[in-house]
Amino acid sequence: MRTWSLLWAGVLALLLSSGCRTITVQPPERPVANLFPTLMPMSSLQSFQPRPTTGEQIAALLAQTGCLELLQEAGMLDTELSVLVRGIERRGYAEIDARRARTSLLWLIVASLDQETWKIAAGFTDYPPSQCRAGLSAQGEPAGTARLSTNLNQPPAPFWSSTQDGVRTELFRLLADDDKTDRWQMHWQMPNQAK
């Protein structure tokens, strides 16, 4: 009995002395695609329709919005497009998280409203670059306001909009309390084969 007690004590001492090394895993500092919504409530997926697509088609849509270049400059890998494709084909929705990357583009959503219409939305820390705005400017009178958040303390966001070649583009200004940290969003709604 004493031998078993000493053996167990030795094993226990060995386990406790060796310890476990804790490794902190940091997400990559580049844009990363996600299949599951982290930017929208899961219930919102019901309004999207899965559809077949290709990485080339998604890349063309992102290039048309002006966001593909920003994502590539921030280090997005081409393999992220295949993750977007899987998300669209399974749920009609996929997103890119670029919050840790060095770019003014924080996030991007690609969604299929139906078999003929795409919805793309992107969040920016600063006023979006001209390549993304399709000629829109926040200098003129807003077209209206819209509530973009479920947070009732967030005031409605003024927006400016235009439609060119079947593509509806909207520029939203999310107002902050101090007027210094306003955030911006761009929304595009475009037909399947937008030019």
Protein backbone atom coordinates (compact mmCIF):
# COMPACT_ATOMS: atom_id res chain seq x y z
CA MET A 1 0.00 0.00 0.00
CA ARG A 2 2.85 2.30 0.86
CA THR A 3 4.41 1.64 -2.57
CA TRP A 4 1.19 2.68 -4.35
CA SER A 5 0.95 5.84 -2.26
CA LEU A 6 4.54 6.77 -3.07
CA LEU A 7 4.00 5.98 -6.75
CA TRP A 8 0.86 8.19 -6.93
CA ALA A 9 2.60 10.96 -5.03
CA GLY A 10 5.49 10.78 -7.49
CA VAL A 11 3.19 10.88 -10.53
CA LEU A 12 1.23 13.77 -9.04
CA ALA A 13 4.44 15.70 -8.27
CA LEU A 14 5.69 15.07 -11.79
CA LEU A 15 2.45 16.34 -13.33
CA LEU A 16 2.33 19.41 -11.15
CA SER A 17 5.97 20.30 -11.66
CA SER A 18 5.87 19.95 -15.44
CA GLY A 19 2.93 22.31 -15.72
CA CYS A 20 1.20 23.40 -18.88
CA ARG A 21 2.52 26.11 -21.07
CA THR A 22 -0.07 28.69 -21.92
CA ILE A 23 0.18 29.99 -25.44
CA THR A 24 -1.73 33.12 -26.28
CA VAL A 25 -3.18 32.94 -29.76
CA GLN A 26 -3.74 36.28 -31.44
CA PRO A 27 -5.96 36.66 -34.48
CA PRO A 28 -4.06 37.60 -37.64
CA GLU A 29 -3.42 41.26 -38.35
CA ARG A 30 -4.95 40.98 -41.80
CA PRO A 31 -8.53 40.82 -43.08
CA VAL A 32 -10.12 37.44 -42.30
CA ALA A 33 -13.33 36.01 -43.79
CA ASN A 34 -16.00 34.47 -41.54
CA LEU A 35 -18.84 32.09 -42.37
CA PHE A 36 -20.91 32.92 -39.29
CA PRO A 37 -22.23 36.39 -38.55
CA THR A 38 -20.33 38.32 -35.92
CA LEU A 39 -21.49 41.67 -37.25
CA MET A 40 -25.22 40.95 -37.54
CA PRO A 41 -27.74 39.04 -35.44
CA MET A 42 -28.12 35.39 -36.48
CA SER A 43 -31.85 36.02 -37.07
CA SER A 44 -30.99 38.40 -39.93
CA LEU A 45 -29.72 35.45 -41.98
CA GLN A 46 -33.34 34.53 -42.73
CA SER A 47 -33.57 37.43 -45.17
CA PHE A 48 -30.64 36.14 -47.28
CA GLN A 49 -30.74 33.38 -49.89
CA PRO A 50 -27.93 30.91 -50.56
CA ARG A 51 -26.77 30.77 -54.16
CA PRO A 52 -23.94 29.33 -56.23
CA THR A 53 -21.08 31.74 -56.85
CA THR A 54 -17.34 31.80 -57.53
CA GLY A 55 -14.34 33.54 -56.04
CA GLU A 56 -13.95 35.48 -59.27
CA GLN A 57 -17.52 36.78 -59.06
CA ILE A 58 -17.06 37.86 -55.42
CA ALA A 59 -13.73 39.51 -56.31
CA ALA A 60 -15.44 41.39 -59.16
CA LEU A 61 -18.18 42.63 -56.81
CA LEU A 62 -15.63 43.79 -54.24
CA ALA A 63 -13.57 45.47 -56.96
CA GLN A 64 -16.67 47.28 -58.18
CA THR A 65 -17.23 48.70 -54.68
CA GLY A 66 -13.59 49.77 -54.44
CA CYS A 67 -13.02 47.57 -51.37
CA LEU A 68 -11.01 44.74 -52.93
CA GLU A 69 -7.95 46.95 -53.35
CA LEU A 70 -8.18 48.13 -49.72
CA LEU A 71 -8.44 44.53 -48.47
CA GLN A 72 -5.51 43.36 -50.58
CA GLU A 73 -3.36 46.30 -49.46
CA ALA A 74 -4.18 45.32 -45.85
CA GLY A 75 -2.88 41.80 -46.50
CA MET A 76 -6.01 39.78 -47.26
CA LEU A 77 -5.10 36.41 -48.74
CA ASP A 78 -6.80 35.15 -51.91
CA THR A 79 -7.95 32.10 -49.92
CA GLU A 80 -10.37 34.34 -47.99
CA LEU A 81 -12.46 34.61 -51.17
CA SER A 82 -13.13 30.85 -51.01
CA VAL A 83 -14.43 31.29 -47.44
CA LEU A 84 -16.77 34.02 -48.69
CA VAL A 85 -17.97 31.69 -51.46
CA ARG A 86 -18.76 28.92 -48.94
CA GLY A 87 -20.69 31.36 -46.76
CA ILE A 88 -22.76 32.62 -49.70
CA GLU A 89 -23.45 29.10 -50.95
CA ARG A 90 -24.49 27.82 -47.50
CA ARG A 91 -26.28 30.80 -45.94
CA GLY A 92 -26.38 33.60 -48.48
CA TYR A 93 -24.07 35.58 -46.19
CA ALA A 94 -20.37 35.98 -45.40
CA GLU A 95 -18.23 38.69 -43.87
CA ILE A 96 -14.67 39.95 -43.60
CA ASP A 97 -13.28 41.20 -40.30
CA ALA A 98 -10.48 43.72 -40.86
CA ARG A 99 -10.49 45.38 -37.44
CA ARG A 100 -6.95 44.21 -36.64
CA ALA A 101 -5.56 45.09 -40.07
CA ARG A 102 -3.96 48.40 -40.97
CA THR A 103 -6.74 49.86 -43.06
CA SER A 104 -9.61 52.29 -42.59
CA LEU A 105 -11.95 49.45 -43.65
CA LEU A 106 -13.13 47.74 -40.43
CA TRP A 107 -15.46 45.08 -41.80
CA LEU A 108 -17.32 44.04 -44.92
CA ILE A 109 -20.49 42.00 -45.46
CA VAL A 110 -21.47 40.21 -48.68
CA ALA A 111 -25.07 38.95 -48.82
CA SER A 112 -27.39 37.51 -51.44
CA LEU A 113 -30.83 39.14 -51.19
CA ASP A 114 -32.16 36.87 -53.95
CA GLN A 115 -30.78 35.13 -57.03
CA GLU A 116 -30.48 38.46 -58.86
CA THR A 117 -29.40 40.97 -56.19
CA TRP A 118 -26.29 41.41 -54.04
CA LYS A 119 -26.03 43.52 -50.89
CA ILE A 120 -22.58 44.62 -49.76
CA ALA A 121 -21.94 46.79 -46.71
CA ALA A 122 -18.67 48.05 -45.24
CA GLY A 123 -17.71 49.94 -42.10
CA PHE A 124 -14.93 52.55 -42.02
CA THR A 125 -13.11 54.34 -39.21
CA ASP A 126 -12.74 57.45 -41.37
CA TYR A 127 -14.48 59.05 -44.31
CA PRO A 128 -14.39 56.32 -47.01
CA PRO A 129 -11.88 56.75 -49.84
CA SER A 130 -13.21 58.15 -53.11
CA GLN A 131 -12.79 54.77 -54.87
CA CYS A 132 -15.56 53.42 -52.61
CA ARG A 133 -17.97 56.35 -52.69
CA ALA A 134 -19.02 56.31 -56.37
CA GLY A 135 -19.01 60.10 -56.48
CA LEU A 136 -20.99 60.53 -53.25
CA SER A 137 -20.01 63.31 -50.88
CA ALA A 138 -21.15 64.14 -47.37
CA GLN A 139 -20.88 67.85 -48.20
CA GLY A 140 -24.41 68.28 -49.52
CA GLU A 141 -27.79 67.82 -47.88
CA PRO A 142 -28.42 64.20 -46.76
CA ALA A 143 -31.08 62.21 -48.60
CA GLY A 144 -32.50 61.17 -45.23
CA THR A 145 -31.70 59.30 -42.02
CA ALA A 146 -31.81 55.62 -41.14
CA ARG A 147 -31.46 53.62 -37.94
CA LEU A 148 -28.57 51.21 -38.51
CA SER A 149 -28.29 49.94 -34.96
CA THR A 150 -30.61 48.11 -32.60
CA ASN A 151 -29.13 50.34 -29.88
CA LEU A 152 -31.84 52.92 -29.25
CA ASN A 153 -29.26 55.36 -27.83
CA GLN A 154 -27.57 55.52 -31.25
CA PRO A 155 -29.14 58.38 -33.22
CA PRO A 156 -30.37 57.74 -36.77
CA ALA A 157 -27.54 58.05 -39.29
CA PRO A 158 -27.77 60.67 -42.03
CA PHE A 159 -27.12 59.19 -45.47
CA TRP A 160 -26.41 60.25 -49.03
CA SER A 161 -27.32 58.01 -51.97
CA SER A 162 -27.02 57.63 -55.71
CA THR A 163 -27.91 55.05 -58.34
CA GLN A 164 -25.70 54.46 -61.39
CA ASP A 165 -25.92 51.56 -63.85
CA GLY A 166 -28.35 49.70 -61.59
CA VAL A 167 -26.08 49.97 -58.53
CA ARG A 168 -27.53 51.79 -55.53
CA THR A 169 -24.78 53.29 -53.35
CA GLU A 170 -25.39 54.77 -49.90
CA LEU A 171 -22.97 56.64 -47.63
CA PHE A 172 -23.92 56.67 -43.91
CA ARG A 173 -22.40 58.80 -41.14
CA LEU A 174 -22.77 57.22 -37.70
CA LEU A 175 -22.69 60.17 -35.36
CA ALA A 176 -20.63 60.01 -32.16
CA ASP A 177 -21.24 62.05 -29.02
CA ASP A 178 -18.03 64.04 -29.39
CA ASP A 179 -18.32 64.56 -33.18
CA LYS A 180 -14.65 63.48 -33.50
CA THR A 181 -15.04 59.73 -33.70
CA ASP A 182 -17.87 59.47 -36.20
CA ARG A 183 -17.86 56.17 -38.07
CA TRP A 184 -18.87 55.69 -41.68
CA GLN A 185 -20.64 52.94 -43.59
CA MET A 186 -21.08 52.29 -47.27
CA HIS A 187 -23.91 50.11 -48.62
CA TRP A 188 -24.18 48.86 -52.19
CA GLN A 189 -27.10 47.01 -53.73
CA MET A 190 -26.35 45.67 -57.17
CA PRO A 191 -27.74 43.28 -59.75
CA ASN A 192 -26.12 39.90 -60.29
CA GLN A 193 -24.30 40.99 -63.43
CA ALA A 194 -23.63 44.63 -62.54
CA LYS A 195 -21.36 46.36 -65.04
